[in-house]
Amino acid sequence: MIRSESGARLRMVQAPAAVDAVVLALHGGSEDTSTRSTRWWHPGLLRMDVLAGHLAADAPRTAVFVLRFAVAAWNADGDGVVRDLRWALDLVGRRFPGRPVVLVGHSLGARVAVRSAAGTDGPGQVRGLVLLAPWLPDDPVALAVPVVVLSGARDRTVPREQVLRWVDAARTAGTPISAREDPTGDHAMLRNAGRWHRDTAAAVRRLLTDDD
């Protein structure tokens, strides 16, 4: 595990001898202001650890990482968590130059992925985004990389209407986007967990093989 100066940590789940691509998983957090360091037992982080294990098993030639944000909160402008992601992408890019990267973000992690992909630095090696139960209240919709959104109709944390509104706006703005809603899925991705795992793995595969 590698630690940044700010306290973010990057953990490698899988590092095959021959790497074709990279998946970087981003956990959820709070919209509230906080200065508390993210501990290993943070529920959002534990959930992404499980998902990352399934993604690794599905793609044996893909390097899989989980990023632990220094602080699992948006904190007004999101600069802290976005900075953590850029740090992680820099490390991944230097270790695996030229390899395509897919960001898999849950809730707050999805928002961080969107903000990073829409930033002035551009997407870089990022090939696409998989957004799980995304929290996107007022975020950029015009992105240069394809996006897959997976959400649950029984999400009690992020309003369904918010997700649909962002998807429609992104599609109108020209972002290549597809969306799928689990009619019984929840925000924590615990209900029908196997379906979340399968759908996420399929989305990653599609983003990495689509040449359009």
C-alpha atoms as a PDB file:
ATOM      1  CA  MET A   1       0.000   0.000   0.000  1.00  0.00           C
ATOM      2  CA  ILE A   2       1.284   3.451  -0.950  1.00  0.00           C
ATOM      3  CA  ARG A   3       0.433   6.554   1.088  1.00  0.00           C
ATOM      4  CA  SER A   4       0.255  10.131  -0.198  1.00  0.00           C
ATOM      5  CA  GLU A   5       1.349  13.208   1.735  1.00  0.00           C
ATOM      6  CA  SER A   6      -2.298  14.040   2.385  1.00  0.00           C
ATOM      7  CA  GLY A   7      -3.035  10.595   3.803  1.00  0.00           C
ATOM      8  CA  ALA A   8      -4.692   8.894   0.833  1.00  0.00           C
ATOM      9  CA  ARG A   9      -3.739   5.256   0.304  1.00  0.00           C
ATOM     10  CA  LEU A  10      -3.554   3.208  -2.871  1.00  0.00           C
ATOM     11  CA  ARG A  11      -3.852  -0.557  -2.479  1.00  0.00           C
ATOM     12  CA  MET A  12      -3.133  -3.022  -5.246  1.00  0.00           C
ATOM     13  CA  VAL A  13      -5.642  -5.855  -5.337  1.00  0.00           C
ATOM     14  CA  GLN A  14      -4.201  -7.597  -8.380  1.00  0.00           C
ATOM     15  CA  ALA A  15      -0.990  -7.125 -10.368  1.00  0.00           C
ATOM     16  CA  PRO A  16      -0.625  -9.745 -13.100  1.00  0.00           C
ATOM     17  CA  ALA A  17       2.705 -10.287 -14.802  1.00  0.00           C
ATOM     18  CA  ALA A  18       1.232  -9.047 -18.090  1.00  0.00           C
ATOM     19  CA  VAL A  19      -1.077  -6.057 -17.653  1.00  0.00           C
ATOM     20  CA  ASP A  20      -3.471  -5.064 -20.430  1.00  0.00           C
ATOM     21  CA  ALA A  21      -5.495  -2.490 -18.492  1.00  0.00           C
ATOM     22  CA  VAL A  22      -6.067  -0.934 -15.083  1.00  0.00           C
ATOM     23  CA  VAL A  23      -9.181  -0.576 -12.924  1.00  0.00           C
ATOM     24  CA  LEU A  24      -9.175   1.975 -10.122  1.00  0.00           C
ATOM     25  CA  ALA A  25     -12.019   1.670  -7.602  1.00  0.00           C
ATOM     26  CA  LEU A  26     -13.230   4.720  -5.645  1.00  0.00           C
ATOM     27  CA  HIS A  27     -15.331   4.295  -2.516  1.00  0.00           C
ATOM     28  CA  GLY A  28     -18.233   6.364  -1.251  1.00  0.00           C
ATOM     29  CA  GLY A  29     -18.350   8.864   1.571  1.00  0.00           C
ATOM     30  CA  SER A  30     -20.245  11.780   3.043  1.00  0.00           C
ATOM     31  CA  GLU A  31     -21.428  15.075   1.615  1.00  0.00           C
ATOM     32  CA  ASP A  32     -20.825  16.650   5.024  1.00  0.00           C
ATOM     33  CA  THR A  33     -17.726  18.538   6.113  1.00  0.00           C
ATOM     34  CA  SER A  34     -15.210  16.339   7.902  1.00  0.00           C
ATOM     35  CA  THR A  35     -11.520  16.187   8.770  1.00  0.00           C
ATOM     36  CA  ARG A  36     -11.532  12.592  10.004  1.00  0.00           C
ATOM     37  CA  SER A  37      -9.117  10.242   8.305  1.00  0.00           C
ATOM     38  CA  THR A  38     -10.702   7.362   6.426  1.00  0.00           C
ATOM     39  CA  ARG A  39     -10.113   4.172   8.390  1.00  0.00           C
ATOM     40  CA  TRP A  40      -9.854   0.702   6.907  1.00  0.00           C
ATOM     41  CA  TRP A  41     -13.232  -0.254   8.383  1.00  0.00           C
ATOM     42  CA  HIS A  42     -15.119   2.556   6.616  1.00  0.00           C
ATOM     43  CA  PRO A  43     -18.249   0.809   5.196  1.00  0.00           C
ATOM     44  CA  GLY A  44     -17.882   2.351   1.735  1.00  0.00           C
ATOM     45  CA  LEU A  45     -14.261   1.258   1.518  1.00  0.00           C
ATOM     46  CA  LEU A  46     -15.037  -2.276   2.663  1.00  0.00           C
ATOM     47  CA  ARG A  47     -17.778  -2.507   0.033  1.00  0.00           C
ATOM     48  CA  MET A  48     -15.398  -1.472  -2.734  1.00  0.00           C
ATOM     49  CA  ASP A  49     -12.772  -3.914  -1.472  1.00  0.00           C
ATOM     50  CA  VAL A  50     -15.263  -6.729  -2.054  1.00  0.00           C
ATOM     51  CA  LEU A  51     -16.238  -5.425  -5.477  1.00  0.00           C
ATOM     52  CA  ALA A  52     -12.583  -4.992  -6.484  1.00  0.00           C
ATOM     53  CA  GLY A  53     -11.951  -8.640  -5.667  1.00  0.00           C
ATOM     54  CA  HIS A  54     -14.708  -9.697  -8.055  1.00  0.00           C
ATOM     55  CA  LEU A  55     -13.392  -7.376 -10.770  1.00  0.00           C
ATOM     56  CA  ALA A  56      -9.928  -8.882 -10.387  1.00  0.00           C
ATOM     57  CA  ALA A  57     -11.287 -12.418 -10.696  1.00  0.00           C
ATOM     58  CA  ASP A  58     -13.202 -11.441 -13.821  1.00  0.00           C
ATOM     59  CA  ALA A  59     -10.182  -9.880 -15.562  1.00  0.00           C
ATOM     60  CA  PRO A  60      -6.950 -11.786 -14.856  1.00  0.00           C
ATOM     61  CA  ARG A  61      -4.837  -9.510 -17.099  1.00  0.00           C
ATOM     62  CA  THR A  62      -6.072  -6.308 -15.471  1.00  0.00           C
ATOM     63  CA  ALA A  63      -4.314  -4.532 -12.622  1.00  0.00           C
ATOM     64  CA  VAL A  64      -6.899  -3.608  -9.980  1.00  0.00           C
ATOM     65  CA  PHE A  65      -6.453  -0.903  -7.340  1.00  0.00           C
ATOM     66  CA  VAL A  66      -8.599   0.562  -4.569  1.00  0.00           C
ATOM     67  CA  LEU A  67      -8.047   4.182  -3.589  1.00  0.00           C
ATOM     68  CA  ARG A  68      -8.738   5.105   0.037  1.00  0.00           C
ATOM     69  CA  PHE A  69      -9.442   8.821   0.217  1.00  0.00           C
ATOM     70  CA  ALA A  70      -7.593  10.688   2.947  1.00  0.00           C
ATOM     71  CA  VAL A  71     -10.957  12.004   4.154  1.00  0.00           C
ATOM     72  CA  ALA A  72     -14.167  10.336   2.970  1.00  0.00           C
ATOM     73  CA  ALA A  73     -16.142  13.548   2.579  1.00  0.00           C
ATOM     74  CA  TRP A  74     -16.762  16.079  -0.182  1.00  0.00           C
ATOM     75  CA  ASN A  75     -15.888  19.070   2.020  1.00  0.00           C
ATOM     76  CA  ALA A  76     -17.498  21.949   0.117  1.00  0.00           C
ATOM     77  CA  ASP A  77     -15.645  21.915  -3.217  1.00  0.00           C
ATOM     78  CA  GLY A  78     -14.313  18.375  -3.406  1.00  0.00           C
ATOM     79  CA  ASP A  79     -10.724  19.509  -3.966  1.00  0.00           C
ATOM     80  CA  GLY A  80      -9.330  17.048  -1.417  1.00  0.00           C
ATOM     81  CA  VAL A  81     -10.819  13.864  -2.863  1.00  0.00           C
ATOM     82  CA  VAL A  82     -10.213  14.988  -6.457  1.00  0.00           C
ATOM     83  CA  ARG A  83      -6.576  15.647  -5.556  1.00  0.00           C
ATOM     84  CA  ASP A  84      -6.348  12.135  -4.073  1.00  0.00           C
ATOM     85  CA  LEU A  85      -7.580  10.643  -7.332  1.00  0.00           C
ATOM     86  CA  ARG A  86      -5.126  12.642  -9.435  1.00  0.00           C
ATOM     87  CA  TRP A  87      -2.323  11.437  -7.178  1.00  0.00           C
ATOM     88  CA  ALA A  88      -3.430   7.830  -7.686  1.00  0.00           C
ATOM     89  CA  LEU A  89      -3.750   8.253 -11.453  1.00  0.00           C
ATOM     90  CA  ASP A  90      -0.244   9.676 -11.611  1.00  0.00           C
ATOM     91  CA  LEU A  91       1.133   6.631  -9.794  1.00  0.00           C
ATOM     92  CA  VAL A  92      -0.813   4.224 -11.999  1.00  0.00           C
ATOM     93  CA  GLY A  93       0.264   6.064 -15.145  1.00  0.00           C
ATOM     94  CA  ARG A  94       3.945   5.870 -14.216  1.00  0.00           C
ATOM     95  CA  ARG A  95       3.731   2.193 -13.318  1.00  0.00           C
ATOM     96  CA  PHE A  96       1.634   1.189 -16.338  1.00  0.00           C
ATOM     97  CA  PRO A  97       2.318   3.786 -19.030  1.00  0.00           C
ATOM     98  CA  GLY A  98      -0.052   3.684 -21.960  1.00  0.00           C
ATOM     99  CA  ARG A  99      -2.421   1.189 -20.348  1.00  0.00           C
ATOM    100  CA  PRO A 100      -6.099   2.177 -20.463  1.00  0.00           C
ATOM    101  CA  VAL A 101      -7.682   2.959 -17.089  1.00  0.00           C
ATOM    102  CA  VAL A 102     -11.319   2.529 -16.068  1.00  0.00           C
ATOM    103  CA  LEU A 103     -12.538   4.368 -12.983  1.00  0.00           C
ATOM    104  CA  VAL A 104     -15.219   2.553 -10.968  1.00  0.00           C
ATOM    105  CA  GLY A 105     -16.764   4.960  -8.477  1.00  0.00           C
ATOM    106  CA  HIS A 106     -19.523   4.408  -5.935  1.00  0.00           C
ATOM    107  CA  SER A 107     -21.624   7.329  -4.649  1.00  0.00           C
ATOM    108  CA  LEU A 108     -19.126  10.072  -3.699  1.00  0.00           C
ATOM    109  CA  GLY A 109     -16.471   8.104  -5.589  1.00  0.00           C
ATOM    110  CA  ALA A 110     -18.582   8.430  -8.731  1.00  0.00           C
ATOM    111  CA  ARG A 111     -18.689  12.190  -8.269  1.00  0.00           C
ATOM    112  CA  VAL A 112     -14.911  12.310  -7.876  1.00  0.00           C
ATOM    113  CA  ALA A 113     -14.500  10.310 -11.093  1.00  0.00           C
ATOM    114  CA  VAL A 114     -16.756  12.698 -13.008  1.00  0.00           C
ATOM    115  CA  ARG A 115     -15.011  15.812 -11.689  1.00  0.00           C
ATOM    116  CA  SER A 116     -11.597  14.375 -12.533  1.00  0.00           C
ATOM    117  CA  ALA A 117     -12.603  13.332 -16.055  1.00  0.00           C
ATOM    118  CA  ALA A 118     -14.064  16.796 -16.668  1.00  0.00           C
ATOM    119  CA  GLY A 119     -11.035  18.628 -15.260  1.00  0.00           C
ATOM    120  CA  THR A 120      -8.607  20.805 -17.155  1.00  0.00           C
ATOM    121  CA  ASP A 121      -6.031  18.007 -17.208  1.00  0.00           C
ATOM    122  CA  GLY A 122      -8.301  15.943 -19.415  1.00  0.00           C
ATOM    123  CA  PRO A 123      -8.953  12.207 -19.054  1.00  0.00           C
ATOM    124  CA  GLY A 124      -5.349  11.130 -19.771  1.00  0.00           C
ATOM    125  CA  GLN A 125      -5.207   7.319 -19.727  1.00  0.00           C
ATOM    126  CA  VAL A 126      -8.791   7.089 -18.484  1.00  0.00           C
ATOM    127  CA  ARG A 127     -10.801   5.096 -21.016  1.00  0.00           C
ATOM    128  CA  GLY A 128     -14.170   5.315 -19.269  1.00  0.00           C
ATOM    129  CA  LEU A 129     -16.174   5.607 -16.065  1.00  0.00           C
ATOM    130  CA  VAL A 130     -18.457   3.147 -14.302  1.00  0.00           C
ATOM    131  CA  LEU A 131     -20.652   5.091 -11.888  1.00  0.00           C
ATOM    132  CA  LEU A 132     -22.417   3.060  -9.203  1.00  0.00           C
ATOM    133  CA  ALA A 133     -25.342   4.626  -7.327  1.00  0.00           C
ATOM    134  CA  PRO A 134     -23.758   7.964  -8.268  1.00  0.00           C
ATOM    135  CA  TRP A 135     -24.153  11.089  -6.174  1.00  0.00           C
ATOM    136  CA  LEU A 136     -24.189  13.862  -8.792  1.00  0.00           C
ATOM    137  CA  PRO A 137     -26.146  16.877  -7.529  1.00  0.00           C
ATOM    138  CA  ASP A 138     -24.558  19.598  -9.692  1.00  0.00           C
ATOM    139  CA  ASP A 139     -21.725  18.126 -11.698  1.00  0.00           C
ATOM    140  CA  PRO A 140     -20.329  18.402 -15.235  1.00  0.00           C
ATOM    141  CA  VAL A 141     -22.252  16.485 -17.875  1.00  0.00           C
ATOM    142  CA  ALA A 142     -20.053  16.943 -20.966  1.00  0.00           C
ATOM    143  CA  LEU A 143     -17.356  14.274 -20.661  1.00  0.00           C
ATOM    144  CA  ALA A 144     -14.842  13.103 -23.262  1.00  0.00           C
ATOM    145  CA  VAL A 145     -14.976   9.457 -22.200  1.00  0.00           C
ATOM    146  CA  PRO A 146     -17.851   6.950 -22.248  1.00  0.00           C
ATOM    147  CA  VAL A 147     -19.817   6.437 -19.063  1.00  0.00           C
ATOM    148  CA  VAL A 148     -21.864   3.543 -17.693  1.00  0.00           C
ATOM    149  CA  VAL A 149     -24.295   4.314 -14.867  1.00  0.00           C
ATOM    150  CA  LEU A 150     -25.654   1.536 -12.655  1.00  0.00           C
ATOM    151  CA  SER A 151     -28.219   2.517 -10.033  1.00  0.00           C
ATOM    152  CA  GLY A 152     -30.909   1.027  -7.821  1.00  0.00           C
ATOM    153  CA  ALA A 153     -34.547   2.038  -7.773  1.00  0.00           C
ATOM    154  CA  ARG A 154     -34.642   1.495  -3.995  1.00  0.00           C
ATOM    155  CA  ASP A 155     -31.772   3.872  -3.318  1.00  0.00           C
ATOM    156  CA  ARG A 156     -32.790   5.916  -0.252  1.00  0.00           C
ATOM    157  CA  THR A 157     -29.595   7.984  -0.172  1.00  0.00           C
ATOM    158  CA  VAL A 158     -29.405   9.453  -3.668  1.00  0.00           C
ATOM    159  CA  PRO A 159     -32.774  10.430  -5.163  1.00  0.00           C
ATOM    160  CA  ARG A 160     -33.615   8.448  -8.281  1.00  0.00           C
ATOM    161  CA  GLU A 161     -34.668  11.650 -10.025  1.00  0.00           C
ATOM    162  CA  GLN A 162     -31.207  13.145  -9.477  1.00  0.00           C
ATOM    163  CA  VAL A 163     -29.514  10.245 -11.228  1.00  0.00           C
ATOM    164  CA  LEU A 164     -31.957  10.279 -14.142  1.00  0.00           C
ATOM    165  CA  ARG A 165     -31.626  14.042 -14.536  1.00  0.00           C
ATOM    166  CA  TRP A 166     -27.825  13.836 -14.728  1.00  0.00           C
ATOM    167  CA  VAL A 167     -27.953  10.932 -17.208  1.00  0.00           C
ATOM    168  CA  ASP A 168     -30.378  12.825 -19.469  1.00  0.00           C
ATOM    169  CA  ALA A 169     -28.271  15.989 -19.307  1.00  0.00           C
ATOM    170  CA  ALA A 170     -25.074  14.073 -20.077  1.00  0.00           C
ATOM    171  CA  ARG A 171     -26.700  12.359 -23.046  1.00  0.00           C
ATOM    172  CA  THR A 172     -27.965  15.701 -24.350  1.00  0.00           C
ATOM    173  CA  ALA A 173     -24.453  17.163 -23.962  1.00  0.00           C
ATOM    174  CA  GLY A 174     -23.052  14.425 -26.196  1.00  0.00           C
ATOM    175  CA  THR A 175     -21.417  12.225 -23.577  1.00  0.00           C
ATOM    176  CA  PRO A 176     -21.438   8.562 -24.667  1.00  0.00           C
ATOM    177  CA  ILE A 177     -23.529   7.134 -21.860  1.00  0.00           C
ATOM    178  CA  SER A 178     -25.586   4.102 -20.993  1.00  0.00           C
ATOM    179  CA  ALA A 179     -27.617   3.561 -17.854  1.00  0.00           C
ATOM    180  CA  ARG A 180     -29.185   0.573 -16.169  1.00  0.00           C
ATOM    181  CA  GLU A 181     -31.402   0.555 -13.103  1.00  0.00           C
ATOM    182  CA  ASP A 182     -31.901  -2.433 -10.817  1.00  0.00           C
ATOM    183  CA  PRO A 183     -35.572  -2.269  -9.781  1.00  0.00           C
ATOM    184  CA  THR A 184     -34.766  -3.677  -6.323  1.00  0.00           C
ATOM    185  CA  GLY A 185     -31.210  -2.354  -5.892  1.00  0.00           C
ATOM    186  CA  ASP A 186     -30.194  -0.160  -2.950  1.00  0.00           C
ATOM    187  CA  HIS A 187     -27.504   2.464  -2.384  1.00  0.00           C
ATOM    188  CA  ALA A 188     -25.065   0.227  -0.490  1.00  0.00           C
ATOM    189  CA  MET A 189     -25.174  -2.343  -3.324  1.00  0.00           C
ATOM    190  CA  LEU A 190     -25.937  -5.062  -0.777  1.00  0.00           C
ATOM    191  CA  ARG A 191     -29.322  -6.090  -2.136  1.00  0.00           C
ATOM    192  CA  ASN A 192     -28.638  -8.229  -5.216  1.00  0.00           C
ATOM    193  CA  ALA A 193     -24.892  -7.867  -4.608  1.00  0.00           C
ATOM    194  CA  GLY A 194     -24.079 -10.534  -7.173  1.00  0.00           C
ATOM    195  CA  ARG A 195     -25.903  -8.596  -9.859  1.00  0.00           C
ATOM    196  CA  TRP A 196     -23.969  -5.415  -9.001  1.00  0.00           C
ATOM    197  CA  HIS A 197     -20.720  -7.374  -9.297  1.00  0.00           C
ATOM    198  CA  ARG A 198     -21.634  -8.971 -12.626  1.00  0.00           C
ATOM    199  CA  ASP A 199     -22.975  -5.772 -14.157  1.00  0.00           C
ATOM    200  CA  THR A 200     -19.936  -3.769 -13.053  1.00  0.00           C
ATOM    201  CA  ALA A 201     -17.529  -6.346 -14.454  1.00  0.00           C
ATOM    202  CA  ALA A 202     -19.442  -6.411 -17.740  1.00  0.00           C
ATOM    203  CA  ALA A 203     -19.350  -2.598 -17.923  1.00  0.00           C
ATOM    204  CA  VAL A 204     -15.577  -2.568 -17.367  1.00  0.00           C
ATOM    205  CA  ARG A 205     -15.068  -5.168 -20.096  1.00  0.00           C
ATOM    206  CA  ARG A 206     -17.203  -3.184 -22.518  1.00  0.00           C
ATOM    207  CA  LEU A 207     -15.364   0.067 -21.879  1.00  0.00           C
ATOM    208  CA  LEU A 208     -12.014  -1.629 -22.410  1.00  0.00           C
ATOM    209  CA  THR A 209     -12.997  -3.359 -25.662  1.00  0.00           C
ATOM    210  CA  ASP A 210     -15.105  -0.642 -27.292  1.00  0.00           C
ATOM    211  CA  ASP A 211     -13.026   1.179 -29.912  1.00  0.00           C
ATOM    212  CA  ASP A 212     -15.673   3.768 -30.738  1.00  0.00           C
END
